Amino acid sequence: MSSTEVASGECKKMSWPEVVGLTIKEAKEIILKDKPDADIIVVPVGSAVTEDFRPNRVRIFVGTVAETPHVR
């Protein structure tokens, strides 16, 4: 599927490849500019997710360790 979908004469963005590598906060801001009604859900890469289609749901898959894990 392409990054846009044509419905009743208007283009609706369906994916945001430009946010790859950005912080979650930055990605959310960009997505919400294009789709203000988005229900953004952040999930770890490889997580089990439902396959049902919800037009307002946008999943951000994350999988980078940002700091060294340690015991405290």
PDB file of N, CA and C in Angstrom:
ATOM      1  N   MET A   1       0.848  -1.181   0.000  1.00  0.00           N
ATOM      2  CA  MET A   1       0.000   0.000   0.000  1.00  0.00           C
ATOM      3  C   MET A   1       0.894   1.245   0.000  1.00  0.00           C
ATOM      4  N   SER A   2       0.521   2.252  -0.728  1.00  0.00           N
ATOM      5  CA  SER A   2       1.308   3.478  -0.809  1.00  0.00           C
ATOM      6  C   SER A   2       1.102   4.331   0.436  1.00  0.00           C
ATOM      7  N   SER A   3       1.856   5.425   0.538  1.00  0.00           N
ATOM      8  CA  SER A   3       1.763   6.282   1.715  1.00  0.00           C
ATOM      9  C   SER A   3       0.530   7.173   1.698  1.00  0.00           C
ATOM     10  N   THR A   4      -0.215   7.146   0.620  1.00  0.00           N
ATOM     11  CA  THR A   4      -1.460   7.910   0.576  1.00  0.00           C
ATOM     12  C   THR A   4      -2.584   7.045   0.048  1.00  0.00           C
ATOM     13  N   GLU A   5      -3.775   7.386   0.435  1.00  0.00           N
ATOM     14  CA  GLU A   5      -4.943   6.666  -0.042  1.00  0.00           C
ATOM     15  C   GLU A   5      -5.913   7.698  -0.592  1.00  0.00           C
ATOM     16  N   VAL A   6      -6.450   7.446  -1.771  1.00  0.00           N
ATOM     17  CA  VAL A   6      -7.390   8.378  -2.368  1.00  0.00           C
ATOM     18  C   VAL A   6      -8.790   7.934  -1.981  1.00  0.00           C
ATOM     19  N   ALA A   7      -9.499   8.837  -1.311  1.00  0.00           N
ATOM     20  CA  ALA A   7     -10.872   8.542  -0.891  1.00  0.00           C
ATOM     21  C   ALA A   7     -11.705   9.795  -1.100  1.00  0.00           C
ATOM     22  N   SER A   8     -12.745   9.669  -1.853  1.00  0.00           N
ATOM     23  CA  SER A   8     -13.665  10.767  -2.166  1.00  0.00           C
ATOM     24  C   SER A   8     -12.930  12.039  -2.581  1.00  0.00           C
ATOM     25  N   GLY A   9     -11.924  11.879  -3.471  1.00  0.00           N
ATOM     26  CA  GLY A   9     -11.265  13.033  -4.057  1.00  0.00           C
ATOM     27  C   GLY A   9     -10.171  13.672  -3.230  1.00  0.00           C
ATOM     28  N   GLU A  10      -9.874  13.154  -2.047  1.00  0.00           N
ATOM     29  CA  GLU A  10      -8.818  13.755  -1.244  1.00  0.00           C
ATOM     30  C   GLU A  10      -7.777  12.704  -0.885  1.00  0.00           C
ATOM     31  N   CYS A  11      -6.527  13.145  -0.690  1.00  0.00           N
ATOM     32  CA  CYS A  11      -5.463  12.225  -0.322  1.00  0.00           C
ATOM     33  C   CYS A  11      -5.337  12.196   1.189  1.00  0.00           C
ATOM     34  N   LYS A  12      -5.249  10.991   1.741  1.00  0.00           N
ATOM     35  CA  LYS A  12      -5.063  10.818   3.173  1.00  0.00           C
ATOM     36  C   LYS A  12      -3.771  10.054   3.376  1.00  0.00           C
ATOM     37  N   LYS A  13      -2.862  10.613   4.145  1.00  0.00           N
ATOM     38  CA  LYS A  13      -1.573   9.980   4.378  1.00  0.00           C
ATOM     39  C   LYS A  13      -1.764   8.727   5.235  1.00  0.00           C
ATOM     40  N   MET A  14      -1.081   7.642   4.857  1.00  0.00           N
ATOM     41  CA  MET A  14      -1.236   6.356   5.531  1.00  0.00           C
ATOM     42  C   MET A  14       0.062   5.856   6.165  1.00  0.00           C
ATOM     43  N   SER A  15       1.211   6.464   5.836  1.00  0.00           N
ATOM     44  CA  SER A  15       2.480   6.058   6.432  1.00  0.00           C
ATOM     45  C   SER A  15       3.432   7.253   6.459  1.00  0.00           C
ATOM     46  N   TRP A  16       4.426   7.182   7.337  1.00  0.00           N
ATOM     47  CA  TRP A  16       5.345   8.295   7.544  1.00  0.00           C
ATOM     48  C   TRP A  16       6.789   7.798   7.564  1.00  0.00           C
ATOM     49  N   PRO A  17       7.349   7.425   6.415  1.00  0.00           N
ATOM     50  CA  PRO A  17       8.737   6.943   6.400  1.00  0.00           C
ATOM     51  C   PRO A  17       9.737   8.016   6.818  1.00  0.00           C
ATOM     52  N   GLU A  18       9.362   9.251   6.723  1.00  0.00           N
ATOM     53  CA  GLU A  18      10.274  10.339   7.085  1.00  0.00           C
ATOM     54  C   GLU A  18      10.563  10.436   8.582  1.00  0.00           C
ATOM     55  N   VAL A  19       9.819   9.731   9.431  1.00  0.00           N
ATOM     56  CA  VAL A  19      10.065   9.818  10.871  1.00  0.00           C
ATOM     57  C   VAL A  19      11.017   8.736  11.380  1.00  0.00           C
ATOM     58  N   VAL A  20      11.424   7.812  10.506  1.00  0.00           N
ATOM     59  CA  VAL A  20      12.365   6.766  10.919  1.00  0.00           C
ATOM     60  C   VAL A  20      13.656   7.420  11.403  1.00  0.00           C
ATOM     61  N   GLY A  21      14.097   7.056  12.601  1.00  0.00           N
ATOM     62  CA  GLY A  21      15.313   7.610  13.184  1.00  0.00           C
ATOM     63  C   GLY A  21      15.083   8.792  14.109  1.00  0.00           C
ATOM     64  N   LEU A  22      13.871   9.334  14.127  1.00  0.00           N
ATOM     65  CA  LEU A  22      13.559  10.448  15.017  1.00  0.00           C
ATOM     66  C   LEU A  22      13.143   9.933  16.393  1.00  0.00           C
ATOM     67  N   THR A  23      13.067  10.839  17.363  1.00  0.00           N
ATOM     68  CA  THR A  23      12.561  10.463  18.682  1.00  0.00           C
ATOM     69  C   THR A  23      11.061  10.210  18.587  1.00  0.00           C
ATOM     70  N   ILE A  24      10.523   9.528  19.572  1.00  0.00           N
ATOM     71  CA  ILE A  24       9.083   9.269  19.598  1.00  0.00           C
ATOM     72  C   ILE A  24       8.323  10.589  19.614  1.00  0.00           C
ATOM     73  N   LYS A  25       8.788  11.527  20.404  1.00  0.00           N
ATOM     74  CA  LYS A  25       8.121  12.836  20.495  1.00  0.00           C
ATOM     75  C   LYS A  25       8.094  13.534  19.139  1.00  0.00           C
ATOM     76  N   GLU A  26       9.241  13.542  18.444  1.00  0.00           N
ATOM     77  CA  GLU A  26       9.313  14.177  17.127  1.00  0.00           C
ATOM     78  C   GLU A  26       8.399  13.475  16.128  1.00  0.00           C
ATOM     79  N   ALA A  27       8.403  12.145  16.165  1.00  0.00           N
ATOM     80  CA  ALA A  27       7.556  11.375  15.249  1.00  0.00           C
ATOM     81  C   ALA A  27       6.085  11.672  15.489  1.00  0.00           C
ATOM     82  N   LYS A  28       5.685  11.704  16.760  1.00  0.00           N
ATOM     83  CA  LYS A  28       4.285  11.999  17.088  1.00  0.00           C
ATOM     84  C   LYS A  28       3.878  13.384  16.574  1.00  0.00           C
ATOM     85  N   GLU A  29       4.736  14.372  16.738  1.00  0.00           N
ATOM     86  CA  GLU A  29       4.420  15.733  16.287  1.00  0.00           C
ATOM     87  C   GLU A  29       4.181  15.765  14.774  1.00  0.00           C
ATOM     88  N   ILE A  30       5.041  15.095  14.026  1.00  0.00           N
ATOM     89  CA  ILE A  30       4.902  15.077  12.561  1.00  0.00           C
ATOM     90  C   ILE A  30       3.630  14.346  12.141  1.00  0.00           C
ATOM     91  N   ILE A  31       3.381  13.195  12.748  1.00  0.00           N
ATOM     92  CA  ILE A  31       2.184  12.424  12.413  1.00  0.00           C
ATOM     93  C   ILE A  31       0.926  13.221  12.742  1.00  0.00           C
ATOM     94  N   LEU A  32       0.904  13.861  13.899  1.00  0.00           N
ATOM     95  CA  LEU A  32      -0.282  14.625  14.302  1.00  0.00           C
ATOM     96  C   LEU A  32      -0.521  15.853  13.429  1.00  0.00           C
ATOM     97  N   LYS A  33       0.529  16.403  12.812  1.00  0.00           N
ATOM     98  CA  LYS A  33       0.329  17.508  11.864  1.00  0.00           C
ATOM     99  C   LYS A  33      -0.449  17.027  10.641  1.00  0.00           C
ATOM    100  N   ASP A  34      -0.129  15.815  10.183  1.00  0.00           N
ATOM    101  CA  ASP A  34      -0.800  15.251   9.012  1.00  0.00           C
ATOM    102  C   ASP A  34      -2.150  14.635   9.356  1.00  0.00           C
ATOM    103  N   LYS A  35      -2.264  14.100  10.566  1.00  0.00           N
ATOM    104  CA  LYS A  35      -3.462  13.361  10.968  1.00  0.00           C
ATOM    105  C   LYS A  35      -3.788  13.717  12.425  1.00  0.00           C
ATOM    106  N   PRO A  36      -4.417  14.873  12.641  1.00  0.00           N
ATOM    107  CA  PRO A  36      -4.674  15.360  14.008  1.00  0.00           C
ATOM    108  C   PRO A  36      -5.509  14.411  14.870  1.00  0.00           C
ATOM    109  N   ASP A  37      -6.317  13.566  14.253  1.00  0.00           N
ATOM    110  CA  ASP A  37      -7.162  12.654  15.020  1.00  0.00           C
ATOM    111  C   ASP A  37      -6.503  11.293  15.266  1.00  0.00           C
ATOM    112  N   ALA A  38      -5.194  11.185  14.995  1.00  0.00           N
ATOM    113  CA  ALA A  38      -4.491   9.909  15.143  1.00  0.00           C
ATOM    114  C   ALA A  38      -4.452   9.453  16.594  1.00  0.00           C
ATOM    115  N   ASP A  39      -4.695   8.163  16.782  1.00  0.00           N
ATOM    116  CA  ASP A  39      -4.516   7.503  18.066  1.00  0.00           C
ATOM    117  C   ASP A  39      -3.173   6.792  17.966  1.00  0.00           C
ATOM    118  N   ILE A  40      -2.114   7.449  18.449  1.00  0.00           N
ATOM    119  CA  ILE A  40      -0.755   6.943  18.281  1.00  0.00           C
ATOM    120  C   ILE A  40      -0.405   6.009  19.433  1.00  0.00           C
ATOM    121  N   ILE A  41       0.049   4.815  19.061  1.00  0.00           N
ATOM    122  CA  ILE A  41       0.411   3.795  20.041  1.00  0.00           C
ATOM    123  C   ILE A  41       1.862   3.411  19.801  1.00  0.00           C
ATOM    124  N   VAL A  42       2.683   3.462  20.854  1.00  0.00           N
ATOM    125  CA  VAL A  42       4.094   3.093  20.755  1.00  0.00           C
ATOM    126  C   VAL A  42       4.242   1.665  21.275  1.00  0.00           C
ATOM    127  N   VAL A  43       4.828   0.792  20.448  1.00  0.00           N
ATOM    128  CA  VAL A  43       4.999  -0.611  20.816  1.00  0.00           C
ATOM    129  C   VAL A  43       6.411  -1.081  20.458  1.00  0.00           C
ATOM    130  N   PRO A  44       6.964  -1.998  21.258  1.00  0.00           N
ATOM    131  CA  PRO A  44       8.282  -2.543  20.925  1.00  0.00           C
ATOM    132  C   PRO A  44       8.236  -3.354  19.628  1.00  0.00           C
ATOM    133  N   VAL A  45       9.306  -3.299  18.851  1.00  0.00           N
ATOM    134  CA  VAL A  45       9.414  -4.101  17.636  1.00  0.00           C
ATOM    135  C   VAL A  45       9.241  -5.569  18.013  1.00  0.00           C
ATOM    136  N   GLY A  46       8.454  -6.285  17.235  1.00  0.00           N
ATOM    137  CA  GLY A  46       8.233  -7.703  17.474  1.00  0.00           C
ATOM    138  C   GLY A  46       7.068  -8.015  18.389  1.00  0.00           C
ATOM    139  N   SER A  47       6.425  -6.987  18.925  1.00  0.00           N
ATOM    140  CA  SER A  47       5.270  -7.212  19.799  1.00  0.00           C
ATOM    141  C   SER A  47       4.101  -7.768  19.009  1.00  0.00           C
ATOM    142  N   ALA A  48       3.298  -8.576  19.685  1.00  0.00           N
ATOM    143  CA  ALA A  48       2.074  -9.067  19.068  1.00  0.00           C
ATOM    144  C   ALA A  48       1.073  -7.917  19.029  1.00  0.00           C
ATOM    145  N   VAL A  49       0.466  -7.713  17.872  1.00  0.00           N
ATOM    146  CA  VAL A  49      -0.542  -6.663  17.722  1.00  0.00           C
ATOM    147  C   VAL A  49      -1.749  -7.235  16.993  1.00  0.00           C
ATOM    148  N   THR A  50      -2.890  -6.626  17.194  1.00  0.00           N
ATOM    149  CA  THR A  50      -4.094  -7.083  16.515  1.00  0.00           C
ATOM    150  C   THR A  50      -4.012  -6.724  15.039  1.00  0.00           C
ATOM    151  N   GLU A  51      -4.720  -7.447  14.217  1.00  0.00           N
ATOM    152  CA  GLU A  51      -4.712  -7.229  12.770  1.00  0.00           C
ATOM    153  C   GLU A  51      -5.920  -6.431  12.290  1.00  0.00           C
ATOM    154  N   ASP A  52      -6.806  -6.033  13.211  1.00  0.00           N
ATOM    155  CA  ASP A  52      -7.991  -5.278  12.801  1.00  0.00           C
ATOM    156  C   ASP A  52      -7.599  -3.887  12.322  1.00  0.00           C
ATOM    157  N   PHE A  53      -8.346  -3.363  11.377  1.00  0.00           N
ATOM    158  CA  PHE A  53      -8.067  -2.042  10.817  1.00  0.00           C
ATOM    159  C   PHE A  53      -8.860  -0.989  11.574  1.00  0.00           C
ATOM    160  N   ARG A  54      -8.147   0.008  12.097  1.00  0.00           N
ATOM    161  CA  ARG A  54      -8.778   1.163  12.724  1.00  0.00           C
ATOM    162  C   ARG A  54      -8.186   2.391  12.048  1.00  0.00           C
ATOM    163  N   PRO A  55      -8.999   3.168  11.334  1.00  0.00           N
ATOM    164  CA  PRO A  55      -8.478   4.258  10.504  1.00  0.00           C
ATOM    165  C   PRO A  55      -7.739   5.360  11.269  1.00  0.00           C
ATOM    166  N   ASN A  56      -7.931   5.466  12.564  1.00  0.00           N
ATOM    167  CA  ASN A  56      -7.238   6.511  13.324  1.00  0.00           C
ATOM    168  C   ASN A  56      -6.020   5.991  14.076  1.00  0.00           C
ATOM    169  N   ARG A  57      -5.817   4.669  14.083  1.00  0.00           N
ATOM    170  CA  ARG A  57      -4.697   4.105  14.845  1.00  0.00           C
ATOM    171  C   ARG A  57      -3.417   4.154  14.011  1.00  0.00           C
ATOM    172  N   VAL A  58      -2.370   4.689  14.636  1.00  0.00           N
ATOM    173  CA  VAL A  58      -1.035   4.708  14.029  1.00  0.00           C
ATOM    174  C   VAL A  58      -0.087   4.097  15.051  1.00  0.00           C
ATOM    175  N   ARG A  59       0.597   3.042  14.664  1.00  0.00           N
ATOM    176  CA  ARG A  59       1.544   2.398  15.578  1.00  0.00           C
ATOM    177  C   ARG A  59       2.954   2.847  15.237  1.00  0.00           C
ATOM    178  N   ILE A  60       3.710   3.223  16.288  1.00  0.00           N
ATOM    179  CA  ILE A  60       5.130   3.532  16.144  1.00  0.00           C
ATOM    180  C   ILE A  60       5.879   2.371  16.790  1.00  0.00           C
ATOM    181  N   PHE A  61       6.631   1.635  15.979  1.00  0.00           N
ATOM    182  CA  PHE A  61       7.398   0.507  16.490  1.00  0.00           C
ATOM    183  C   PHE A  61       8.802   0.981  16.847  1.00  0.00           C
ATOM    184  N   VAL A  62       9.218   0.714  18.086  1.00  0.00           N
ATOM    185  CA  VAL A  62      10.537   1.151  18.554  1.00  0.00           C
ATOM    186  C   VAL A  62      11.352  -0.055  18.993  1.00  0.00           C
ATOM    187  N   GLY A  63      12.667   0.055  18.880  1.00  0.00           N
ATOM    188  CA  GLY A  63      13.493  -1.086  19.240  1.00  0.00           C
ATOM    189  C   GLY A  63      14.936  -0.755  19.539  1.00  0.00           C
ATOM    190  N   THR A  64      15.252   0.486  19.851  1.00  0.00           N
ATOM    191  CA  THR A  64      16.632   0.877  20.115  1.00  0.00           C
ATOM    192  C   THR A  64      16.855   1.072  21.606  1.00  0.00           C
ATOM    193  N   VAL A  65      17.920   0.500  22.114  1.00  0.00           N
ATOM    194  CA  VAL A  65      18.307   0.722  23.508  1.00  0.00           C
ATOM    195  C   VAL A  65      19.056   2.048  23.548  1.00  0.00           C
ATOM    196  N   ALA A  66      18.528   3.008  24.310  1.00  0.00           N
ATOM    197  CA  ALA A  66      19.089   4.358  24.303  1.00  0.00           C
ATOM    198  C   ALA A  66      20.211   4.544  25.306  1.00  0.00           C
ATOM    199  N   GLU A  67      20.199   3.779  26.388  1.00  0.00           N
ATOM    200  CA  GLU A  67      21.237   3.892  27.410  1.00  0.00           C
ATOM    201  C   GLU A  67      21.669   2.498  27.860  1.00  0.00           C
ATOM    202  N   THR A  68      22.812   2.419  28.504  1.00  0.00           N
ATOM    203  CA  THR A  68      23.304   1.148  29.002  1.00  0.00           C
ATOM    204  C   THR A  68      22.423   0.658  30.150  1.00  0.00           C
ATOM    205  N   PRO A  69      21.851  -0.532  30.029  1.00  0.00           N
ATOM    206  CA  PRO A  69      21.074  -1.072  31.144  1.00  0.00           C
ATOM    207  C   PRO A  69      22.008  -1.430  32.302  1.00  0.00           C
ATOM    208  N   HIS A  70      21.561  -1.156  33.513  1.00  0.00           N
ATOM    209  CA  HIS A  70      22.380  -1.491  34.681  1.00  0.00           C
ATOM    210  C   HIS A  70      21.494  -1.653  35.922  1.00  0.00           C
ATOM    211  N   VAL A  71      22.056  -2.312  36.947  1.00  0.00           N
ATOM    212  CA  VAL A  71      21.339  -2.533  38.197  1.00  0.00           C
ATOM    213  C   VAL A  71      21.503  -1.319  39.087  1.00  0.00           C
ATOM    214  N   ARG A  72      20.404  -0.916  39.723  1.00  0.00           N
ATOM    215  CA  ARG A  72      20.480   0.208  40.680  1.00  0.00           C
ATOM    216  C   ARG A  72      19.814  -0.178  41.944  1.00  0.00           C
TER     217      ARG A  72
END
